[in-house]
Amino acid sequence: MVAVVHTLPHDLALAQHRRPPTARFGAITAPTLMLAGSNSPVWMRHAARTIAETVSVGSHRELPGQEHVRADDVLAPVLREFLLG
């Protein structure tokens, strides 16, 4: 948890406002994969989808039965597909 504590302000802002700061993401031109677990809170799933729709080359996948922290055996094939095409 200590390694990701710096992300908490961003998580809290999303949880409170229920929407990501999309203006910042529109400038991203690199292919971007946003993942969300189907058991993650609604606001997290919505944020992932919204960001994917805002990034010029964004894509979104919802992983069935997964929480915010996904199992490696579920995550690895999705990342492999995204990175290797």
PDB file of N, CA and C in Angstrom:
ATOM      1  N   MET A   1       0.815  -1.193   0.000  1.00  0.00           N
ATOM      2  CA  MET A   1       0.000   0.000   0.000  1.00  0.00           C
ATOM      3  C   MET A   1       0.859   1.257   0.000  1.00  0.00           C
ATOM      4  N   VAL A   2       1.992   1.209   0.665  1.00  0.00           N
ATOM      5  CA  VAL A   2       2.857   2.378   0.743  1.00  0.00           C
ATOM      6  C   VAL A   2       3.301   2.816  -0.656  1.00  0.00           C
ATOM      7  N   ALA A   3       3.527   1.857  -1.537  1.00  0.00           N
ATOM      8  CA  ALA A   3       4.006   2.180  -2.882  1.00  0.00           C
ATOM      9  C   ALA A   3       2.990   2.964  -3.704  1.00  0.00           C
ATOM     10  N   VAL A   4       1.713   2.857  -3.376  1.00  0.00           N
ATOM     11  CA  VAL A   4       0.686   3.550  -4.158  1.00  0.00           C
ATOM     12  C   VAL A   4      -0.013   4.664  -3.385  1.00  0.00           C
ATOM     13  N   VAL A   5       0.505   5.012  -2.222  1.00  0.00           N
ATOM     14  CA  VAL A   5      -0.151   6.037  -1.402  1.00  0.00           C
ATOM     15  C   VAL A   5      -0.234   7.377  -2.129  1.00  0.00           C
ATOM     16  N   HIS A   6       0.723   7.651  -3.002  1.00  0.00           N
ATOM     17  CA  HIS A   6       0.704   8.917  -3.741  1.00  0.00           C
ATOM     18  C   HIS A   6      -0.503   9.026  -4.688  1.00  0.00           C
ATOM     19  N   THR A   7      -1.161   7.916  -4.993  1.00  0.00           N
ATOM     20  CA  THR A   7      -2.329   7.952  -5.888  1.00  0.00           C
ATOM     21  C   THR A   7      -3.636   8.230  -5.150  1.00  0.00           C
ATOM     22  N   LEU A   8      -3.614   8.176  -3.838  1.00  0.00           N
ATOM     23  CA  LEU A   8      -4.853   8.352  -3.070  1.00  0.00           C
ATOM     24  C   LEU A   8      -5.567   9.673  -3.321  1.00  0.00           C
ATOM     25  N   PRO A   9      -4.873  10.808  -3.433  1.00  0.00           N
ATOM     26  CA  PRO A   9      -5.605  12.046  -3.738  1.00  0.00           C
ATOM     27  C   PRO A   9      -6.402  11.960  -5.041  1.00  0.00           C
ATOM     28  N   HIS A  10      -5.841  11.279  -6.035  1.00  0.00           N
ATOM     29  CA  HIS A  10      -6.550  11.127  -7.309  1.00  0.00           C
ATOM     30  C   HIS A  10      -7.774  10.218  -7.140  1.00  0.00           C
ATOM     31  N   ASP A  11      -7.603   9.122  -6.416  1.00  0.00           N
ATOM     32  CA  ASP A  11      -8.719   8.216  -6.159  1.00  0.00           C
ATOM     33  C   ASP A  11      -9.836   8.928  -5.395  1.00  0.00           C
ATOM     34  N   LEU A  12      -9.453   9.684  -4.394  1.00  0.00           N
ATOM     35  CA  LEU A  12     -10.460  10.409  -3.608  1.00  0.00           C
ATOM     36  C   LEU A  12     -11.182  11.453  -4.448  1.00  0.00           C
ATOM     37  N   ALA A  13     -10.450  12.142  -5.318  1.00  0.00           N
ATOM     38  CA  ALA A  13     -11.091  13.137  -6.182  1.00  0.00           C
ATOM     39  C   ALA A  13     -12.099  12.467  -7.108  1.00  0.00           C
ATOM     40  N   LEU A  14     -11.736  11.326  -7.669  1.00  0.00           N
ATOM     41  CA  LEU A  14     -12.677  10.603  -8.532  1.00  0.00           C
ATOM     42  C   LEU A  14     -13.887  10.130  -7.749  1.00  0.00           C
ATOM     43  N   ALA A  15     -13.655   9.631  -6.553  1.00  0.00           N
ATOM     44  CA  ALA A  15     -14.763   9.133  -5.732  1.00  0.00           C
ATOM     45  C   ALA A  15     -15.714  10.258  -5.344  1.00  0.00           C
ATOM     46  N   GLN A  16     -15.185  11.424  -5.073  1.00  0.00           N
ATOM     47  CA  GLN A  16     -16.024  12.544  -4.651  1.00  0.00           C
ATOM     48  C   GLN A  16     -16.756  13.187  -5.819  1.00  0.00           C
ATOM     49  N   HIS A  17     -16.073  13.348  -6.947  1.00  0.00           N
ATOM     50  CA  HIS A  17     -16.665  14.074  -8.071  1.00  0.00           C
ATOM     51  C   HIS A  17     -17.344  13.145  -9.071  1.00  0.00           C
ATOM     52  N   ARG A  18     -17.050  11.857  -8.966  1.00  0.00           N
ATOM     53  CA  ARG A  18     -17.656  10.843  -9.819  1.00  0.00           C
ATOM     54  C   ARG A  18     -17.310  10.954 -11.300  1.00  0.00           C
ATOM     55  N   ARG A  19     -16.337  11.801 -11.636  1.00  0.00           N
ATOM     56  CA  ARG A  19     -15.916  11.872 -13.030  1.00  0.00           C
ATOM     57  C   ARG A  19     -14.445  12.264 -13.092  1.00  0.00           C
ATOM     58  N   PRO A  20     -13.730  11.678 -14.047  1.00  0.00           N
ATOM     59  CA  PRO A  20     -12.306  12.006 -14.179  1.00  0.00           C
ATOM     60  C   PRO A  20     -12.112  13.344 -14.874  1.00  0.00           C
ATOM     61  N   PRO A  21     -10.941  13.950 -14.707  1.00  0.00           N
ATOM     62  CA  PRO A  21     -10.640  15.229 -15.371  1.00  0.00           C
ATOM     63  C   PRO A  21     -10.318  14.986 -16.850  1.00  0.00           C
ATOM     64  N   THR A  22     -11.335  14.824 -17.657  1.00  0.00           N
ATOM     65  CA  THR A  22     -11.146  14.387 -19.041  1.00  0.00           C
ATOM     66  C   THR A  22     -10.320  15.344 -19.888  1.00  0.00           C
ATOM     67  N   ALA A  23     -10.308  16.616 -19.580  1.00  0.00           N
ATOM     68  CA  ALA A  23      -9.521  17.568 -20.372  1.00  0.00           C
ATOM     69  C   ALA A  23      -8.046  17.183 -20.386  1.00  0.00           C
ATOM     70  N   ARG A  24      -7.569  16.624 -19.316  1.00  0.00           N
ATOM     71  CA  ARG A  24      -6.157  16.241 -19.234  1.00  0.00           C
ATOM     72  C   ARG A  24      -5.845  15.013 -20.081  1.00  0.00           C
ATOM     73  N   PHE A  25      -6.829  14.157 -20.291  1.00  0.00           N
ATOM     74  CA  PHE A  25      -6.575  12.888 -20.976  1.00  0.00           C
ATOM     75  C   PHE A  25      -6.711  12.984 -22.490  1.00  0.00           C
ATOM     76  N   GLY A  26      -7.356  14.026 -22.978  1.00  0.00           N
ATOM     77  CA  GLY A  26      -7.539  14.176 -24.411  1.00  0.00           C
ATOM     78  C   GLY A  26      -6.239  14.337 -25.178  1.00  0.00           C
ATOM     79  N   ALA A  27      -5.201  14.793 -24.513  1.00  0.00           N
ATOM     80  CA  ALA A  27      -3.908  15.011 -25.170  1.00  0.00           C
ATOM     81  C   ALA A  27      -3.074  13.732 -25.278  1.00  0.00           C
ATOM     82  N   ILE A  28      -3.496  12.666 -24.648  1.00  0.00           N
ATOM     83  CA  ILE A  28      -2.742  11.405 -24.699  1.00  0.00           C
ATOM     84  C   ILE A  28      -2.918  10.783 -26.079  1.00  0.00           C
ATOM     85  N   THR A  29      -1.799  10.502 -26.740  1.00  0.00           N
ATOM     86  CA  THR A  29      -1.865   9.924 -28.080  1.00  0.00           C
ATOM     87  C   THR A  29      -1.347   8.485 -28.131  1.00  0.00           C
ATOM     88  N   ALA A  30      -0.779   8.018 -27.045  1.00  0.00           N
ATOM     89  CA  ALA A  30      -0.289   6.637 -26.999  1.00  0.00           C
ATOM     90  C   ALA A  30      -1.457   5.686 -26.780  1.00  0.00           C
ATOM     91  N   PRO A  31      -1.410   4.507 -27.388  1.00  0.00           N
ATOM     92  CA  PRO A  31      -2.456   3.518 -27.117  1.00  0.00           C
ATOM     93  C   PRO A  31      -2.547   3.263 -25.613  1.00  0.00           C
ATOM     94  N   THR A  32      -3.752   3.322 -25.107  1.00  0.00           N
ATOM     95  CA  THR A  32      -3.974   3.235 -23.662  1.00  0.00           C
ATOM     96  C   THR A  32      -5.077   2.228 -23.368  1.00  0.00           C
ATOM     97  N   LEU A  33      -4.808   1.322 -22.461  1.00  0.00           N
ATOM     98  CA  LEU A  33      -5.794   0.333 -22.047  1.00  0.00           C
ATOM     99  C   LEU A  33      -6.230   0.639 -20.631  1.00  0.00           C
ATOM    100  N   MET A  34      -7.507   0.863 -20.447  1.00  0.00           N
ATOM    101  CA  MET A  34      -8.071   1.090 -19.123  1.00  0.00           C
ATOM    102  C   MET A  34      -8.783  -0.186 -18.696  1.00  0.00           C
ATOM    103  N   LEU A  35      -8.423  -0.676 -17.520  1.00  0.00           N
ATOM    104  CA  LEU A  35      -9.014  -1.908 -17.003  1.00  0.00           C
ATOM    105  C   LEU A  35      -9.812  -1.619 -15.749  1.00  0.00           C
ATOM    106  N   ALA A  36     -10.877  -2.364 -15.582  1.00  0.00           N
ATOM    107  CA  ALA A  36     -11.669  -2.281 -14.360  1.00  0.00           C
ATOM    108  C   ALA A  36     -12.198  -3.678 -14.055  1.00  0.00           C
ATOM    109  N   GLY A  37     -12.234  -4.004 -12.789  1.00  0.00           N
ATOM    110  CA  GLY A  37     -12.831  -5.263 -12.380  1.00  0.00           C
ATOM    111  C   GLY A  37     -14.337  -5.089 -12.245  1.00  0.00           C
ATOM    112  N   SER A  38     -15.099  -6.084 -12.623  1.00  0.00           N
ATOM    113  CA  SER A  38     -16.554  -5.970 -12.546  1.00  0.00           C
ATOM    114  C   SER A  38     -17.049  -5.838 -11.107  1.00  0.00           C
ATOM    115  N   ASN A  39     -16.223  -6.242 -10.146  1.00  0.00           N
ATOM    116  CA  ASN A  39     -16.596  -6.099  -8.737  1.00  0.00           C
ATOM    117  C   ASN A  39     -16.022  -4.835  -8.099  1.00  0.00           C
ATOM    118  N   SER A  40     -15.381  -4.000  -8.898  1.00  0.00           N
ATOM    119  CA  SER A  40     -14.873  -2.721  -8.396  1.00  0.00           C
ATOM    120  C   SER A  40     -16.046  -1.783  -8.173  1.00  0.00           C
ATOM    121  N   PRO A  41     -15.849  -0.755  -7.353  1.00  0.00           N
ATOM    122  CA  PRO A  41     -16.925   0.227  -7.156  1.00  0.00           C
ATOM    123  C   PRO A  41     -17.352   0.847  -8.488  1.00  0.00           C
ATOM    124  N   VAL A  42     -18.608   1.215  -8.572  1.00  0.00           N
ATOM    125  CA  VAL A  42     -19.166   1.789  -9.797  1.00  0.00           C
ATOM    126  C   VAL A  42     -18.356   2.992 -10.263  1.00  0.00           C
ATOM    127  N   TRP A  43     -17.956   3.854  -9.329  1.00  0.00           N
ATOM    128  CA  TRP A  43     -17.230   5.054  -9.736  1.00  0.00           C
ATOM    129  C   TRP A  43     -15.906   4.712 -10.397  1.00  0.00           C
ATOM    130  N   MET A  44     -15.256   3.629  -9.967  1.00  0.00           N
ATOM    131  CA  MET A  44     -13.991   3.219 -10.588  1.00  0.00           C
ATOM    132  C   MET A  44     -14.236   2.693 -11.995  1.00  0.00           C
ATOM    133  N   ARG A  45     -15.274   1.887 -12.148  1.00  0.00           N
ATOM    134  CA  ARG A  45     -15.584   1.341 -13.470  1.00  0.00           C
ATOM    135  C   ARG A  45     -15.965   2.457 -14.440  1.00  0.00           C
ATOM    136  N   HIS A  46     -16.744   3.404 -13.961  1.00  0.00           N
ATOM    137  CA  HIS A  46     -17.148   4.541 -14.796  1.00  0.00           C
ATOM    138  C   HIS A  46     -15.936   5.386 -15.188  1.00  0.00           C
ATOM    139  N   ALA A  47     -15.057   5.651 -14.248  1.00  0.00           N
ATOM    140  CA  ALA A  47     -13.854   6.448 -14.530  1.00  0.00           C
ATOM    141  C   ALA A  47     -12.995   5.766 -15.592  1.00  0.00           C
ATOM    142  N   ALA A  48     -12.794   4.467 -15.479  1.00  0.00           N
ATOM    143  CA  ALA A  48     -11.976   3.737 -16.455  1.00  0.00           C
ATOM    144  C   ALA A  48     -12.586   3.835 -17.849  1.00  0.00           C
ATOM    145  N   ARG A  49     -13.892   3.653 -17.941  1.00  0.00           N
ATOM    146  CA  ARG A  49     -14.562   3.723 -19.246  1.00  0.00           C
ATOM    147  C   ARG A  49     -14.477   5.144 -19.822  1.00  0.00           C
ATOM    148  N   THR A  50     -14.721   6.149 -18.989  1.00  0.00           N
ATOM    149  CA  THR A  50     -14.694   7.537 -19.446  1.00  0.00           C
ATOM    150  C   THR A  50     -13.304   7.932 -19.931  1.00  0.00           C
ATOM    151  N   ILE A  51     -12.280   7.533 -19.205  1.00  0.00           N
ATOM    152  CA  ILE A  51     -10.910   7.848 -19.619  1.00  0.00           C
ATOM    153  C   ILE A  51     -10.597   7.172 -20.949  1.00  0.00           C
ATOM    154  N   ALA A  52     -10.974   5.909 -21.103  1.00  0.00           N
ATOM    155  CA  ALA A  52     -10.732   5.196 -22.360  1.00  0.00           C
ATOM    156  C   ALA A  52     -11.421   5.886 -23.523  1.00  0.00           C
ATOM    157  N   GLU A  53     -12.604   6.418 -23.291  1.00  0.00           N
ATOM    158  CA  GLU A  53     -13.344   7.112 -24.350  1.00  0.00           C
ATOM    159  C   GLU A  53     -12.733   8.474 -24.663  1.00  0.00           C
ATOM    160  N   THR A  54     -12.000   9.043 -23.720  1.00  0.00           N
ATOM    161  CA  THR A  54     -11.420  10.378 -23.899  1.00  0.00           C
ATOM    162  C   THR A  54     -10.056  10.328 -24.571  1.00  0.00           C
ATOM    163  N   VAL A  55      -9.265   9.323 -24.252  1.00  0.00           N
ATOM    164  CA  VAL A  55      -7.937   9.164 -24.854  1.00  0.00           C
ATOM    165  C   VAL A  55      -8.121   8.848 -26.339  1.00  0.00           C
ATOM    166  N   SER A  56      -7.324   9.484 -27.190  1.00  0.00           N
ATOM    167  CA  SER A  56      -7.530   9.329 -28.633  1.00  0.00           C
ATOM    168  C   SER A  56      -7.407   7.884 -29.115  1.00  0.00           C
ATOM    169  N   VAL A  57      -6.541   7.110 -28.508  1.00  0.00           N
ATOM    170  CA  VAL A  57      -6.381   5.704 -28.876  1.00  0.00           C
ATOM    171  C   VAL A  57      -6.630   4.846 -27.629  1.00  0.00           C
ATOM    172  N   GLY A  58      -7.747   5.101 -26.975  1.00  0.00           N
ATOM    173  CA  GLY A  58      -8.054   4.395 -25.739  1.00  0.00           C
ATOM    174  C   GLY A  58      -8.947   3.190 -25.969  1.00  0.00           C
ATOM    175  N   SER A  59      -8.772   2.199 -25.115  1.00  0.00           N
ATOM    176  CA  SER A  59      -9.658   1.042 -25.119  1.00  0.00           C
ATOM    177  C   SER A  59      -9.954   0.674 -23.668  1.00  0.00           C
ATOM    178  N   HIS A  60     -11.034  -0.055 -23.491  1.00  0.00           N
ATOM    179  CA  HIS A  60     -11.507  -0.384 -22.148  1.00  0.00           C
ATOM    180  C   HIS A  60     -11.883  -1.859 -22.090  1.00  0.00           C
ATOM    181  N   ARG A  61     -11.510  -2.488 -20.985  1.00  0.00           N
ATOM    182  CA  ARG A  61     -11.926  -3.864 -20.726  1.00  0.00           C
ATOM    183  C   ARG A  61     -12.383  -3.954 -19.282  1.00  0.00           C
ATOM    184  N   GLU A  62     -13.502  -4.603 -19.080  1.00  0.00           N
ATOM    185  CA  GLU A  62     -13.965  -4.895 -17.721  1.00  0.00           C
ATOM    186  C   GLU A  62     -13.731  -6.380 -17.487  1.00  0.00           C
ATOM    187  N   LEU A  63     -13.037  -6.682 -16.410  1.00  0.00           N
ATOM    188  CA  LEU A  63     -12.648  -8.052 -16.118  1.00  0.00           C
ATOM    189  C   LEU A  63     -13.663  -8.696 -15.173  1.00  0.00           C
ATOM    190  N   PRO A  64     -14.403  -9.691 -15.657  1.00  0.00           N
ATOM    191  CA  PRO A  64     -15.448 -10.324 -14.852  1.00  0.00           C
ATOM    192  C   PRO A  64     -14.913 -10.921 -13.556  1.00  0.00           C
ATOM    193  N   GLY A  65     -15.635 -10.664 -12.476  1.00  0.00           N
ATOM    194  CA  GLY A  65     -15.318 -11.257 -11.187  1.00  0.00           C
ATOM    195  C   GLY A  65     -14.108 -10.679 -10.478  1.00  0.00           C
ATOM    196  N   GLN A  66     -13.540  -9.595 -11.006  1.00  0.00           N
ATOM    197  CA  GLN A  66     -12.330  -9.029 -10.417  1.00  0.00           C
ATOM    198  C   GLN A  66     -12.641  -7.774  -9.619  1.00  0.00           C
ATOM    199  N   GLU A  67     -11.812  -7.546  -8.616  1.00  0.00           N
ATOM    200  CA  GLU A  67     -11.891  -6.340  -7.784  1.00  0.00           C
ATOM    201  C   GLU A  67     -10.962  -5.287  -8.389  1.00  0.00           C
ATOM    202  N   HIS A  68     -10.731  -4.223  -7.635  1.00  0.00           N
ATOM    203  CA  HIS A  68      -9.795  -3.171  -8.055  1.00  0.00           C
ATOM    204  C   HIS A  68      -8.400  -3.753  -8.270  1.00  0.00           C
ATOM    205  N   VAL A  69      -7.974  -4.637  -7.399  1.00  0.00           N
ATOM    206  CA  VAL A  69      -6.700  -5.342  -7.567  1.00  0.00           C
ATOM    207  C   VAL A  69      -7.033  -6.677  -8.231  1.00  0.00           C
ATOM    208  N   ARG A  70      -6.528  -6.861  -9.440  1.00  0.00           N
ATOM    209  CA  ARG A  70      -6.891  -8.024 -10.225  1.00  0.00           C
ATOM    210  C   ARG A  70      -5.896  -9.165 -10.031  1.00  0.00           C
ATOM    211  N   ALA A  71      -6.391 -10.384 -10.220  1.00  0.00           N
ATOM    212  CA  ALA A  71      -5.550 -11.573 -10.121  1.00  0.00           C
ATOM    213  C   ALA A  71      -4.579 -11.611 -11.299  1.00  0.00           C
ATOM    214  N   ASP A  72      -3.346 -11.998 -11.036  1.00  0.00           N
ATOM    215  CA  ASP A  72      -2.318 -12.036 -12.079  1.00  0.00           C
ATOM    216  C   ASP A  72      -2.720 -12.931 -13.249  1.00  0.00           C
ATOM    217  N   ASP A  73      -3.343 -14.076 -12.956  1.00  0.00           N
ATOM    218  CA  ASP A  73      -3.705 -15.007 -14.031  1.00  0.00           C
ATOM    219  C   ASP A  73      -4.832 -14.474 -14.910  1.00  0.00           C
ATOM    220  N   VAL A  74      -5.560 -13.489 -14.433  1.00  0.00           N
ATOM    221  CA  VAL A  74      -6.592 -12.827 -15.236  1.00  0.00           C
ATOM    222  C   VAL A  74      -5.986 -11.642 -15.980  1.00  0.00           C
ATOM    223  N   LEU A  75      -5.127 -10.920 -15.313  1.00  0.00           N
ATOM    224  CA  LEU A  75      -4.538  -9.711 -15.880  1.00  0.00           C
ATOM    225  C   LEU A  75      -3.520 -10.000 -16.986  1.00  0.00           C
ATOM    226  N   ALA A  76      -2.684 -11.000 -16.796  1.00  0.00           N
ATOM    227  CA  ALA A  76      -1.590 -11.281 -17.733  1.00  0.00           C
ATOM    228  C   ALA A  76      -2.058 -11.488 -19.176  1.00  0.00           C
ATOM    229  N   PRO A  77      -3.071 -12.317 -19.441  1.00  0.00           N
ATOM    230  CA  PRO A  77      -3.466 -12.502 -20.835  1.00  0.00           C
ATOM    231  C   PRO A  77      -4.051 -11.241 -21.475  1.00  0.00           C
ATOM    232  N   VAL A  78      -4.711 -10.421 -20.686  1.00  0.00           N
ATOM    233  CA  VAL A  78      -5.282  -9.176 -21.210  1.00  0.00           C
ATOM    234  C   VAL A  78      -4.153  -8.218 -21.590  1.00  0.00           C
ATOM    235  N   LEU A  79      -3.161  -8.104 -20.734  1.00  0.00           N
ATOM    236  CA  LEU A  79      -2.020  -7.246 -21.039  1.00  0.00           C
ATOM    237  C   LEU A  79      -1.220  -7.779 -22.233  1.00  0.00           C
ATOM    238  N   ARG A  80      -1.057  -9.093 -22.285  1.00  0.00           N
ATOM    239  CA  ARG A  80      -0.325  -9.700 -23.404  1.00  0.00           C
ATOM    240  C   ARG A  80      -1.025  -9.366 -24.726  1.00  0.00           C
ATOM    241  N   GLU A  81      -2.345  -9.522 -24.758  1.00  0.00           N
ATOM    242  CA  GLU A  81      -3.111  -9.210 -25.967  1.00  0.00           C
ATOM    243  C   GLU A  81      -2.972  -7.752 -26.367  1.00  0.00           C
ATOM    244  N   PHE A  82      -3.056  -6.863 -25.374  1.00  0.00           N
ATOM    245  CA  PHE A  82      -2.952  -5.429 -25.660  1.00  0.00           C
ATOM    246  C   PHE A  82      -1.563  -5.053 -26.166  1.00  0.00           C
ATOM    247  N   LEU A  83      -0.537  -5.567 -25.524  1.00  0.00           N
ATOM    248  CA  LEU A  83       0.827  -5.177 -25.856  1.00  0.00           C
ATOM    249  C   LEU A  83       1.361  -5.835 -27.136  1.00  0.00           C
ATOM    250  N   LEU A  84       0.915  -7.054 -27.403  1.00  0.00           N
ATOM    251  CA  LEU A  84       1.442  -7.776 -28.558  1.00  0.00           C
ATOM    252  C   LEU A  84       0.479  -7.785 -29.741  1.00  0.00           C
ATOM    253  N   GLY A  85      -0.743  -7.296 -29.498  1.00  0.00           N
ATOM    254  CA  GLY A  85      -1.721  -7.216 -30.582  1.00  0.00           C
ATOM    255  C   GLY A  85      -2.244  -8.536 -30.936  1.00  0.00           C
TER     256      GLY A  85
END
